[in-house]
């Protein structure tokens, strides 16, 4: 089964890069990706640029409208994701529990067509 792990955070990538205390945390994150990548569990994923770079397509009466920004009121934003291939939800959760990042990991199954 495939799941996506959505990594929540409160810091823009640019802010993180200017924060020397975050260097050690990101070293642990890189090690985490390396470890699960070598085990064949991570099959995709990327860090995302900050929410200020987002563009949203909203539908009003079926008509698309393009607007700048995510326009979701939240202090925490998705900063990146990993796609994992595992036996079941329990294994995905065990991997998520080892995440060395800051705030949260949302685990969701991927619908494969």
PDB file of N, CA and C in Angstrom:
ATOM      1  N   UNK A   1       0.845  -1.189   0.000  1.00  0.00           N
ATOM      2  CA  UNK A   1       0.000   0.000   0.000  1.00  0.00           C
ATOM      3  C   UNK A   1       0.878   1.237   0.000  1.00  0.00           C
ATOM      4  N   UNK A   2       0.386   2.278  -0.636  1.00  0.00           N
ATOM      5  CA  UNK A   2       1.108   3.543  -0.636  1.00  0.00           C
ATOM      6  C   UNK A   2       0.365   4.553   0.232  1.00  0.00           C
ATOM      7  N   UNK A   3       1.166   5.310   0.960  1.00  0.00           N
ATOM      8  CA  UNK A   3       0.659   6.395   1.800  1.00  0.00           C
ATOM      9  C   UNK A   3       1.497   7.623   1.510  1.00  0.00           C
ATOM     10  N   UNK A   4       0.920   8.791   1.762  1.00  0.00           N
ATOM     11  CA  UNK A   4       1.687  10.025   1.726  1.00  0.00           C
ATOM     12  C   UNK A   4       1.800  10.523   3.165  1.00  0.00           C
ATOM     13  N   UNK A   5       2.997  10.918   3.531  1.00  0.00           N
ATOM     14  CA  UNK A   5       3.250  11.533   4.824  1.00  0.00           C
ATOM     15  C   UNK A   5       3.399  13.025   4.551  1.00  0.00           C
ATOM     16  N   UNK A   6       2.518  13.822   5.097  1.00  0.00           N
ATOM     17  CA  UNK A   6       2.530  15.270   4.896  1.00  0.00           C
ATOM     18  C   UNK A   6       3.158  15.919   6.126  1.00  0.00           C
ATOM     19  N   UNK A   7       4.259  16.611   5.922  1.00  0.00           N
ATOM     20  CA  UNK A   7       5.021  17.167   7.036  1.00  0.00           C
ATOM     21  C   UNK A   7       4.601  18.595   7.308  1.00  0.00           C
ATOM     22  N   UNK A   8       4.038  18.816   8.487  1.00  0.00           N
ATOM     23  CA  UNK A   8       3.606  20.146   8.888  1.00  0.00           C
ATOM     24  C   UNK A   8       4.735  20.917   9.523  1.00  0.00           C
ATOM     25  N   UNK A   9       4.672  22.219   9.410  1.00  0.00           N
ATOM     26  CA  UNK A   9       5.664  23.083  10.023  1.00  0.00           C
ATOM     27  C   UNK A   9       5.141  24.490  10.120  1.00  0.00           C
ATOM     28  N   UNK A  10       5.907  25.328  10.764  1.00  0.00           N
ATOM     29  CA  UNK A  10       5.485  26.710  10.954  1.00  0.00           C
ATOM     30  C   UNK A  10       6.486  27.695  10.380  1.00  0.00           C
ATOM     31  N   UNK A  11       7.525  27.195   9.734  1.00  0.00           N
ATOM     32  CA  UNK A  11       8.599  28.053   9.276  1.00  0.00           C
ATOM     33  C   UNK A  11       8.721  27.985   7.755  1.00  0.00           C
ATOM     34  N   UNK A  12       8.869  29.137   7.125  1.00  0.00           N
ATOM     35  CA  UNK A  12       9.124  29.206   5.690  1.00  0.00           C
ATOM     36  C   UNK A  12      10.522  28.653   5.421  1.00  0.00           C
ATOM     37  N   UNK A  13      10.735  28.008   4.259  1.00  0.00           N
ATOM     38  CA  UNK A  13      12.084  27.516   3.950  1.00  0.00           C
ATOM     39  C   UNK A  13      13.151  28.602   4.051  1.00  0.00           C
ATOM     40  N   UNK A  14      12.830  29.825   3.623  1.00  0.00           N
ATOM     41  CA  UNK A  14      13.795  30.911   3.678  1.00  0.00           C
ATOM     42  C   UNK A  14      14.150  31.261   5.126  1.00  0.00           C
ATOM     43  N   UNK A  15      13.168  31.238   6.014  1.00  0.00           N
ATOM     44  CA  UNK A  15      13.419  31.498   7.431  1.00  0.00           C
ATOM     45  C   UNK A  15      14.287  30.409   8.030  1.00  0.00           C
ATOM     46  N   UNK A  16      13.990  29.171   7.660  1.00  0.00           N
ATOM     47  CA  UNK A  16      14.746  28.033   8.160  1.00  0.00           C
ATOM     48  C   UNK A  16      16.210  28.154   7.772  1.00  0.00           C
ATOM     49  N   UNK A  17      16.469  28.548   6.524  1.00  0.00           N
ATOM     50  CA  UNK A  17      17.839  28.642   6.031  1.00  0.00           C
ATOM     51  C   UNK A  17      18.630  29.715   6.771  1.00  0.00           C
ATOM     52  N   UNK A  18      17.946  30.691   7.347  1.00  0.00           N
ATOM     53  CA  UNK A  18      18.606  31.769   8.082  1.00  0.00           C
ATOM     54  C   UNK A  18      18.710  31.466   9.571  1.00  0.00           C
ATOM     55  N   UNK A  19      18.240  30.303  10.011  1.00  0.00           N
ATOM     56  CA  UNK A  19      18.221  29.944  11.423  1.00  0.00           C
ATOM     57  C   UNK A  19      19.259  28.852  11.676  1.00  0.00           C
ATOM     58  N   UNK A  20      20.428  29.209  12.232  1.00  0.00           N
ATOM     59  CA  UNK A  20      21.485  28.209  12.434  1.00  0.00           C
ATOM     60  C   UNK A  20      21.054  27.044  13.324  1.00  0.00           C
ATOM     61  N   UNK A  21      20.135  27.275  14.251  1.00  0.00           N
ATOM     62  CA  UNK A  21      19.688  26.196  15.133  1.00  0.00           C
ATOM     63  C   UNK A  21      18.944  25.107  14.365  1.00  0.00           C
ATOM     64  N   UNK A  22      18.398  25.465  13.189  1.00  0.00           N
ATOM     65  CA  UNK A  22      17.651  24.483  12.402  1.00  0.00           C
ATOM     66  C   UNK A  22      18.571  23.558  11.602  1.00  0.00           C
ATOM     67  N   UNK A  23      19.833  23.917  11.458  1.00  0.00           N
ATOM     68  CA  UNK A  23      20.759  23.102  10.655  1.00  0.00           C
ATOM     69  C   UNK A  23      20.834  21.674  11.192  1.00  0.00           C
ATOM     70  N   UNK A  24      20.924  21.509  12.499  1.00  0.00           N
ATOM     71  CA  UNK A  24      21.001  20.171  13.088  1.00  0.00           C
ATOM     72  C   UNK A  24      19.712  19.397  12.856  1.00  0.00           C
ATOM     73  N   UNK A  25      18.578  20.075  12.957  1.00  0.00           N
ATOM     74  CA  UNK A  25      17.298  19.404  12.724  1.00  0.00           C
ATOM     75  C   UNK A  25      17.213  18.920  11.286  1.00  0.00           C
ATOM     76  N   UNK A  26      17.652  19.735  10.337  1.00  0.00           N
ATOM     77  CA  UNK A  26      17.579  19.322   8.940  1.00  0.00           C
ATOM     78  C   UNK A  26      18.605  18.260   8.587  1.00  0.00           C
ATOM     79  N   UNK A  27      19.696  18.201   9.322  1.00  0.00           N
ATOM     80  CA  UNK A  27      20.638  17.091   9.143  1.00  0.00           C
ATOM     81  C   UNK A  27      19.956  15.778   9.534  1.00  0.00           C
ATOM     82  N   UNK A  28      19.206  15.785  10.649  1.00  0.00           N
ATOM     83  CA  UNK A  28      18.466  14.584  11.071  1.00  0.00           C
ATOM     84  C   UNK A  28      17.389  14.216  10.053  1.00  0.00           C
ATOM     85  N   UNK A  29      16.740  15.218   9.479  1.00  0.00           N
ATOM     86  CA  UNK A  29      15.716  14.959   8.460  1.00  0.00           C
ATOM     87  C   UNK A  29      16.351  14.313   7.232  1.00  0.00           C
ATOM     88  N   UNK A  30      17.492  14.833   6.785  1.00  0.00           N
ATOM     89  CA  UNK A  30      18.184  14.232   5.633  1.00  0.00           C
ATOM     90  C   UNK A  30      18.579  12.787   5.931  1.00  0.00           C
ATOM     91  N   UNK A  31      19.040  12.523   7.139  1.00  0.00           N
ATOM     92  CA  UNK A  31      19.386  11.160   7.536  1.00  0.00           C
ATOM     93  C   UNK A  31      18.148  10.258   7.522  1.00  0.00           C
ATOM     94  N   UNK A  32      17.018  10.791   7.977  1.00  0.00           N
ATOM     95  CA  UNK A  32      15.764  10.033   7.993  1.00  0.00           C
ATOM     96  C   UNK A  32      15.381   9.628   6.579  1.00  0.00           C
ATOM     97  N   UNK A  33      15.428  10.581   5.626  1.00  0.00           N
ATOM     98  CA  UNK A  33      15.115  10.272   4.227  1.00  0.00           C
ATOM     99  C   UNK A  33      16.094   9.243   3.667  1.00  0.00           C
ATOM    100  N   UNK A  34      17.378   9.389   3.983  1.00  0.00           N
ATOM    101  CA  UNK A  34      18.377   8.430   3.508  1.00  0.00           C
ATOM    102  C   UNK A  34      18.089   7.027   4.043  1.00  0.00           C
ATOM    103  N   UNK A  35      17.802   6.940   5.343  1.00  0.00           N
ATOM    104  CA  UNK A  35      17.557   5.634   5.971  1.00  0.00           C
ATOM    105  C   UNK A  35      16.370   4.917   5.335  1.00  0.00           C
ATOM    106  N   UNK A  36      15.227   5.585   5.253  1.00  0.00           N
ATOM    107  CA  UNK A  36      14.036   4.929   4.713  1.00  0.00           C
ATOM    108  C   UNK A  36      14.103   4.784   3.192  1.00  0.00           C
ATOM    109  N   UNK A  37      14.879   5.631   2.541  1.00  0.00           N
ATOM    110  CA  UNK A  37      15.102   5.465   1.110  1.00  0.00           C
ATOM    111  C   UNK A  37      15.914   4.209   0.824  1.00  0.00           C
ATOM    112  N   UNK A  38      16.969   3.980   1.601  1.00  0.00           N
ATOM    113  CA  UNK A  38      17.783   2.759   1.434  1.00  0.00           C
ATOM    114  C   UNK A  38      16.963   1.501   1.687  1.00  0.00           C
ATOM    115  N   UNK A  39      16.001   1.593   2.604  1.00  0.00           N
ATOM    116  CA  UNK A  39      15.145   0.436   2.909  1.00  0.00           C
ATOM    117  C   UNK A  39      14.060   0.233   1.860  1.00  0.00           C
ATOM    118  N   UNK A  40      13.967   1.141   0.898  1.00  0.00           N
ATOM    119  CA  UNK A  40      12.961   1.042  -0.155  1.00  0.00           C
ATOM    120  C   UNK A  40      11.568   1.448   0.280  1.00  0.00           C
ATOM    121  N   UNK A  41      11.457   2.112   1.409  1.00  0.00           N
ATOM    122  CA  UNK A  41      10.139   2.524   1.918  1.00  0.00           C
ATOM    123  C   UNK A  41       9.694   3.853   1.322  1.00  0.00           C
ATOM    124  N   UNK A  42      10.620   4.797   1.143  1.00  0.00           N
ATOM    125  CA  UNK A  42      10.268   6.080   0.539  1.00  0.00           C
ATOM    126  C   UNK A  42      10.433   5.942  -0.966  1.00  0.00           C
ATOM    127  N   UNK A  43       9.343   6.173  -1.687  1.00  0.00           N
ATOM    128  CA  UNK A  43       9.365   6.024  -3.142  1.00  0.00           C
ATOM    129  C   UNK A  43       9.166   7.359  -3.857  1.00  0.00           C
ATOM    130  N   UNK A  44       9.071   8.445  -3.117  1.00  0.00           N
ATOM    131  CA  UNK A  44       8.938   9.777  -3.692  1.00  0.00           C
ATOM    132  C   UNK A  44       8.772  10.796  -2.596  1.00  0.00           C
ATOM    133  N   UNK A  45       8.910  12.059  -2.959  1.00  0.00           N
ATOM    134  CA  UNK A  45       8.701  13.119  -1.988  1.00  0.00           C
ATOM    135  C   UNK A  45       9.555  14.325  -2.291  1.00  0.00           C
ATOM    136  N   UNK A  46       9.156  15.458  -1.732  1.00  0.00           N
ATOM    137  CA  UNK A  46       9.877  16.705  -1.934  1.00  0.00           C
ATOM    138  C   UNK A  46       9.560  17.687  -0.816  1.00  0.00           C
ATOM    139  N   UNK A  47      10.473  18.611  -0.618  1.00  0.00           N
ATOM    140  CA  UNK A  47      10.185  19.770   0.216  1.00  0.00           C
ATOM    141  C   UNK A  47       9.410  20.744  -0.663  1.00  0.00           C
ATOM    142  N   UNK A  48       8.501  21.469  -0.077  1.00  0.00           N
ATOM    143  CA  UNK A  48       7.703  22.442  -0.822  1.00  0.00           C
ATOM    144  C   UNK A  48       8.180  23.854  -0.520  1.00  0.00           C
ATOM    145  N   UNK A  49       8.067  24.733  -1.497  1.00  0.00           N
ATOM    146  CA  UNK A  49       8.356  26.142  -1.245  1.00  0.00           C
ATOM    147  C   UNK A  49       7.263  26.691  -0.335  1.00  0.00           C
ATOM    148  N   UNK A  50       7.511  27.838   0.268  1.00  0.00           N
ATOM    149  CA  UNK A  50       6.600  28.412   1.245  1.00  0.00           C
ATOM    150  C   UNK A  50       5.223  28.730   0.688  1.00  0.00           C
ATOM    151  N   UNK A  51       4.235  28.869   1.569  1.00  0.00           N
ATOM    152  CA  UNK A  51       2.862  29.107   1.128  1.00  0.00           C
ATOM    153  C   UNK A  51       2.685  30.410   0.359  1.00  0.00           C
ATOM    154  N   UNK A  52       3.603  31.366   0.512  1.00  0.00           N
ATOM    155  CA  UNK A  52       3.486  32.620  -0.246  1.00  0.00           C
ATOM    156  C   UNK A  52       3.667  32.381  -1.743  1.00  0.00           C
ATOM    157  N   UNK A  53       4.193  31.214  -2.132  1.00  0.00           N
ATOM    158  CA  UNK A  53       4.381  30.893  -3.549  1.00  0.00           C
ATOM    159  C   UNK A  53       3.189  30.172  -4.152  1.00  0.00           C
ATOM    160  N   UNK A  54       2.205  29.850  -3.337  1.00  0.00           N
ATOM    161  CA  UNK A  54       1.068  29.043  -3.789  1.00  0.00           C
ATOM    162  C   UNK A  54       0.136  29.829  -4.708  1.00  0.00           C
ATOM    163  N   UNK A  55      -0.456  29.110  -5.619  1.00  0.00           N
ATOM    164  CA  UNK A  55      -1.528  29.627  -6.468  1.00  0.00           C
ATOM    165  C   UNK A  55      -2.670  28.628  -6.357  1.00  0.00           C
ATOM    166  N   UNK A  56      -3.877  29.118  -6.188  1.00  0.00           N
ATOM    167  CA  UNK A  56      -5.034  28.254  -5.988  1.00  0.00           C
ATOM    168  C   UNK A  56      -6.042  28.451  -7.117  1.00  0.00           C
ATOM    169  N   UNK A  57      -6.607  27.360  -7.570  1.00  0.00           N
ATOM    170  CA  UNK A  57      -7.715  27.421  -8.530  1.00  0.00           C
ATOM    171  C   UNK A  57      -8.982  27.110  -7.747  1.00  0.00           C
ATOM    172  N   UNK A  58      -9.874  28.082  -7.669  1.00  0.00           N
ATOM    173  CA  UNK A  58     -11.160  27.917  -6.990  1.00  0.00           C
ATOM    174  C   UNK A  58     -12.248  27.836  -8.050  1.00  0.00           C
ATOM    175  N   UNK A  59     -13.319  27.131  -7.716  1.00  0.00           N
ATOM    176  CA  UNK A  59     -14.429  26.984  -8.660  1.00  0.00           C
ATOM    177  C   UNK A  59     -15.655  27.673  -8.093  1.00  0.00           C
ATOM    178  N   UNK A  60     -16.212  28.589  -8.869  1.00  0.00           N
ATOM    179  CA  UNK A  60     -17.403  29.321  -8.486  1.00  0.00           C
ATOM    180  C   UNK A  60     -18.451  29.044  -9.561  1.00  0.00           C
ATOM    181  N   UNK A  61     -19.493  28.330  -9.192  1.00  0.00           N
ATOM    182  CA  UNK A  61     -20.523  27.916 -10.157  1.00  0.00           C
ATOM    183  C   UNK A  61     -19.908  27.158 -11.331  1.00  0.00           C
ATOM    184  N   UNK A  62     -18.905  26.341 -11.024  1.00  0.00           N
ATOM    185  CA  UNK A  62     -18.272  25.519 -12.046  1.00  0.00           C
ATOM    186  C   UNK A  62     -17.236  26.230 -12.887  1.00  0.00           C
ATOM    187  N   UNK A  63     -17.048  27.527 -12.652  1.00  0.00           N
ATOM    188  CA  UNK A  63     -16.075  28.291 -13.431  1.00  0.00           C
ATOM    189  C   UNK A  63     -14.792  28.456 -12.629  1.00  0.00           C
ATOM    190  N   UNK A  64     -13.643  28.109 -13.223  1.00  0.00           N
ATOM    191  CA  UNK A  64     -12.385  28.225 -12.493  1.00  0.00           C
ATOM    192  C   UNK A  64     -11.920  29.672 -12.383  1.00  0.00           C
ATOM    193  N   UNK A  65     -11.360  29.997 -11.228  1.00  0.00           N
ATOM    194  CA  UNK A  65     -10.785  31.305 -10.997  1.00  0.00           C
ATOM    195  C   UNK A  65      -9.429  31.091 -10.328  1.00  0.00           C
ATOM    196  N   UNK A  66      -8.371  31.662 -10.887  1.00  0.00           N
ATOM    197  CA  UNK A  66      -7.028  31.513 -10.349  1.00  0.00           C
ATOM    198  C   UNK A  66      -6.754  32.672  -9.396  1.00  0.00           C
ATOM    199  N   UNK A  67      -6.316  32.333  -8.171  1.00  0.00           N
ATOM    200  CA  UNK A  67      -6.013  33.345  -7.163  1.00  0.00           C
ATOM    201  C   UNK A  67      -4.657  33.035  -6.543  1.00  0.00           C
ATOM    202  N   UNK A  68      -3.952  34.071  -6.121  1.00  0.00           N
ATOM    203  CA  UNK A  68      -2.678  33.885  -5.443  1.00  0.00           C
ATOM    204  C   UNK A  68      -2.921  33.399  -4.025  1.00  0.00           C
ATOM    205  N   UNK A  69      -2.032  32.552  -3.562  1.00  0.00           N
ATOM    206  CA  UNK A  69      -2.046  32.135  -2.173  1.00  0.00           C
ATOM    207  C   UNK A  69      -2.914  30.936  -1.899  1.00  0.00           C
ATOM    208  N   UNK A  70      -2.591  30.271  -0.788  1.00  0.00           N
ATOM    209  CA  UNK A  70      -3.375  29.094  -0.416  1.00  0.00           C
ATOM    210  C   UNK A  70      -4.707  29.461   0.226  1.00  0.00           C
ATOM    211  N   UNK A  71      -4.803  30.612   0.867  1.00  0.00           N
ATOM    212  CA  UNK A  71      -6.019  31.088   1.514  1.00  0.00           C
ATOM    213  C   UNK A  71      -6.647  30.083   2.464  1.00  0.00           C
ATOM    214  N   UNK A  72      -5.820  29.332   3.120  1.00  0.00           N
ATOM    215  CA  UNK A  72      -6.282  28.447   4.188  1.00  0.00           C
ATOM    216  C   UNK A  72      -5.734  29.041   5.476  1.00  0.00           C
ATOM    217  N   UNK A  73      -6.624  29.389   6.373  1.00  0.00           N
ATOM    218  CA  UNK A  73      -6.190  30.005   7.620  1.00  0.00           C
ATOM    219  C   UNK A  73      -5.588  28.932   8.530  1.00  0.00           C
ATOM    220  N   UNK A  74      -4.287  28.996   8.702  1.00  0.00           N
ATOM    221  CA  UNK A  74      -3.619  28.034   9.568  1.00  0.00           C
ATOM    222  C   UNK A  74      -2.263  28.582   9.959  1.00  0.00           C
ATOM    223  N   UNK A  75      -1.837  28.274  11.165  1.00  0.00           N
ATOM    224  CA  UNK A  75      -0.490  28.637  11.584  1.00  0.00           C
ATOM    225  C   UNK A  75       0.505  27.617  11.069  1.00  0.00           C
ATOM    226  N   UNK A  76       0.031  26.407  10.852  1.00  0.00           N
ATOM    227  CA  UNK A  76       0.892  25.336  10.377  1.00  0.00           C
ATOM    228  C   UNK A  76       0.592  25.083   8.913  1.00  0.00           C
ATOM    229  N   UNK A  77       1.629  24.881   8.121  1.00  0.00           N
ATOM    230  CA  UNK A  77       1.458  24.605   6.700  1.00  0.00           C
ATOM    231  C   UNK A  77       2.208  23.330   6.342  1.00  0.00           C
ATOM    232  N   UNK A  78       1.838  22.717   5.226  1.00  0.00           N
ATOM    233  CA  UNK A  78       2.546  21.545   4.739  1.00  0.00           C
ATOM    234  C   UNK A  78       3.852  22.015   4.112  1.00  0.00           C
ATOM    235  N   UNK A  79       4.957  21.530   4.654  1.00  0.00           N
ATOM    236  CA  UNK A  79       6.264  21.948   4.181  1.00  0.00           C
ATOM    237  C   UNK A  79       6.895  20.966   3.219  1.00  0.00           C
ATOM    238  N   UNK A  80       6.341  19.774   3.158  1.00  0.00           N
ATOM    239  CA  UNK A  80       6.879  18.755   2.271  1.00  0.00           C
ATOM    240  C   UNK A  80       6.121  17.465   2.446  1.00  0.00           C
ATOM    241  N   UNK A  81       6.536  16.453   1.685  1.00  0.00           N
ATOM    242  CA  UNK A  81       5.836  15.175   1.761  1.00  0.00           C
ATOM    243  C   UNK A  81       6.778  14.049   1.354  1.00  0.00           C
ATOM    244  N   UNK A  82       6.431  12.866   1.772  1.00  0.00           N
ATOM    245  CA  UNK A  82       7.111  11.653   1.323  1.00  0.00           C
ATOM    246  C   UNK A  82       6.041  10.652   0.952  1.00  0.00           C
ATOM    247  N   UNK A  83       6.258   9.956  -0.144  1.00  0.00           N
ATOM    248  CA  UNK A  83       5.378   8.859  -0.529  1.00  0.00           C
ATOM    249  C   UNK A  83       6.068   7.581  -0.090  1.00  0.00           C
ATOM    250  N   UNK A  84       5.372   6.787   0.701  1.00  0.00           N
ATOM    251  CA  UNK A  84       5.963   5.544   1.209  1.00  0.00           C
ATOM    252  C   UNK A  84       5.178   4.348   0.704  1.00  0.00           C
ATOM    253  N   UNK A  85       5.884   3.254   0.510  1.00  0.00           N
ATOM    254  CA  UNK A  85       5.252   1.998   0.127  1.00  0.00           C
ATOM    255  C   UNK A  85       5.483   1.023   1.273  1.00  0.00           C
ATOM    256  N   UNK A  86       4.379   0.610   1.900  1.00  0.00           N
ATOM    257  CA  UNK A  86       4.440  -0.196   3.109  1.00  0.00           C
ATOM    258  C   UNK A  86       3.363  -1.281   3.069  1.00  0.00           C
ATOM    259  N   UNK A  87       3.410  -2.179   4.038  1.00  0.00           N
ATOM    260  CA  UNK A  87       2.436  -3.271   4.094  1.00  0.00           C
ATOM    261  C   UNK A  87       1.042  -2.778   4.467  1.00  0.00           C
ATOM    262  N   UNK A  88       0.987  -1.796   5.395  1.00  0.00           N
ATOM    263  CA  UNK A  88      -0.313  -1.360   5.903  1.00  0.00           C
ATOM    264  C   UNK A  88      -0.171  -0.042   6.659  1.00  0.00           C
ATOM    265  N   UNK A  89      -1.298   0.452   7.166  1.00  0.00           N
ATOM    266  CA  UNK A  89      -1.303   1.713   7.910  1.00  0.00           C
ATOM    267  C   UNK A  89      -0.387   1.643   9.121  1.00  0.00           C
ATOM    268  N   UNK A  90      -0.369   0.522   9.813  1.00  0.00           N
ATOM    269  CA  UNK A  90       0.476   0.411  11.002  1.00  0.00           C
ATOM    270  C   UNK A  90       1.942   0.679  10.672  1.00  0.00           C
ATOM    271  N   UNK A  91       2.413   0.139   9.549  1.00  0.00           N
ATOM    272  CA  UNK A  91       3.800   0.365   9.163  1.00  0.00           C
ATOM    273  C   UNK A  91       4.017   1.838   8.788  1.00  0.00           C
ATOM    274  N   UNK A  92       3.064   2.450   8.098  1.00  0.00           N
ATOM    275  CA  UNK A  92       3.173   3.868   7.756  1.00  0.00           C
ATOM    276  C   UNK A  92       3.240   4.719   9.026  1.00  0.00           C
ATOM    277  N   UNK A  93       2.431   4.378  10.011  1.00  0.00           N
ATOM    278  CA  UNK A  93       2.444   5.118  11.275  1.00  0.00           C
ATOM    279  C   UNK A  93       3.757   4.940  12.019  1.00  0.00           C
ATOM    280  N   UNK A  94       4.313   3.740  11.988  1.00  0.00           N
ATOM    281  CA  UNK A  94       5.598   3.505  12.654  1.00  0.00           C
ATOM    282  C   UNK A  94       6.683   4.366  12.025  1.00  0.00           C
ATOM    283  N   UNK A  95       6.670   4.486  10.709  1.00  0.00           N
ATOM    284  CA  UNK A  95       7.640   5.351  10.031  1.00  0.00           C
ATOM    285  C   UNK A  95       7.383   6.808  10.406  1.00  0.00           C
ATOM    286  N   UNK A  96       6.127   7.236  10.382  1.00  0.00           N
ATOM    287  CA  UNK A  96       5.783   8.622  10.716  1.00  0.00           C
ATOM    288  C   UNK A  96       6.220   8.978  12.136  1.00  0.00           C
ATOM    289  N   UNK A  97       6.131   8.034  13.047  1.00  0.00           N
ATOM    290  CA  UNK A  97       6.521   8.291  14.441  1.00  0.00           C
ATOM    291  C   UNK A  97       8.009   8.570  14.593  1.00  0.00           C
ATOM    292  N   UNK A  98       8.812   8.185  13.613  1.00  0.00           N
ATOM    293  CA  UNK A  98      10.254   8.422  13.691  1.00  0.00           C
ATOM    294  C   UNK A  98      10.672   9.740  13.052  1.00  0.00           C
ATOM    295  N   UNK A  99       9.721  10.505  12.491  1.00  0.00           N
ATOM    296  CA  UNK A  99      10.027  11.765  11.810  1.00  0.00           C
ATOM    297  C   UNK A  99      10.743  12.712  12.763  1.00  0.00           C
ATOM    298  N   UNK A 100      11.935  13.197  12.383  1.00  0.00           N
ATOM    299  CA  UNK A 100      12.698  14.076  13.276  1.00  0.00           C
ATOM    300  C   UNK A 100      12.351  15.549  13.138  1.00  0.00           C
ATOM    301  N   UNK A 101      11.371  15.884  12.293  1.00  0.00           N
ATOM    302  CA  UNK A 101      11.001  17.286  12.074  1.00  0.00           C
ATOM    303  C   UNK A 101      10.260  17.878  13.259  1.00  0.00           C
ATOM    304  N   UNK A 102       9.736  19.085  13.059  1.00  0.00           N
ATOM    305  CA  UNK A 102       9.222  19.865  14.161  1.00  0.00           C
ATOM    306  C   UNK A 102       7.818  19.540  14.633  1.00  0.00           C
ATOM    307  N   UNK A 103       6.833  19.624  13.770  1.00  0.00           N
ATOM    308  CA  UNK A 103       5.477  19.793  14.262  1.00  0.00           C
ATOM    309  C   UNK A 103       4.571  18.578  14.135  1.00  0.00           C
ATOM    310  N   UNK A 104       4.280  18.141  12.921  1.00  0.00           N
ATOM    311  CA  UNK A 104       3.302  17.067  12.760  1.00  0.00           C
ATOM    312  C   UNK A 104       3.527  16.310  11.461  1.00  0.00           C
ATOM    313  N   UNK A 105       2.955  15.112  11.402  1.00  0.00           N
ATOM    314  CA  UNK A 105       2.949  14.311  10.175  1.00  0.00           C
ATOM    315  C   UNK A 105       1.530  13.794   9.984  1.00  0.00           C
ATOM    316  N   UNK A 106       0.908  14.167   8.880  1.00  0.00           N
ATOM    317  CA  UNK A 106      -0.406  13.626   8.532  1.00  0.00           C
ATOM    318  C   UNK A 106      -0.173  12.442   7.610  1.00  0.00           C
ATOM    319  N   UNK A 107      -0.811  11.313   7.909  1.00  0.00           N
ATOM    320  CA  UNK A 107      -0.644  10.088   7.129  1.00  0.00           C
ATOM    321  C   UNK A 107      -1.943   9.811   6.390  1.00  0.00           C
ATOM    322  N   UNK A 108      -1.854   9.720   5.050  1.00  0.00           N
ATOM    323  CA  UNK A 108      -3.069   9.483   4.260  1.00  0.00           C
ATOM    324  C   UNK A 108      -2.793   8.445   3.199  1.00  0.00           C
ATOM    325  N   UNK A 109      -3.745   7.522   3.000  1.00  0.00           N
ATOM    326  CA  UNK A 109      -3.565   6.532   1.944  1.00  0.00           C
ATOM    327  C   UNK A 109      -3.707   7.171   0.569  1.00  0.00           C
ATOM    328  N   UNK A 110      -2.970   6.628  -0.375  1.00  0.00           N
ATOM    329  CA  UNK A 110      -3.022   7.095  -1.760  1.00  0.00           C
ATOM    330  C   UNK A 110      -4.010   6.201  -2.506  1.00  0.00           C
ATOM    331  N   UNK A 111      -4.880   6.815  -3.291  1.00  0.00           N
ATOM    332  CA  UNK A 111      -5.810   6.067  -4.134  1.00  0.00           C
ATOM    333  C   UNK A 111      -5.081   5.782  -5.435  1.00  0.00           C
ATOM    334  N   UNK A 112      -4.897   4.514  -5.732  1.00  0.00           N
ATOM    335  CA  UNK A 112      -4.228   4.139  -6.967  1.00  0.00           C
ATOM    336  C   UNK A 112      -5.263   3.670  -7.962  1.00  0.00           C
ATOM    337  N   UNK A 113      -5.226   4.243  -9.156  1.00  0.00           N
ATOM    338  CA  UNK A 113      -6.177   3.890 -10.215  1.00  0.00           C
ATOM    339  C   UNK A 113      -5.512   2.983 -11.212  1.00  0.00           C
TER     340      UNK A 113
END
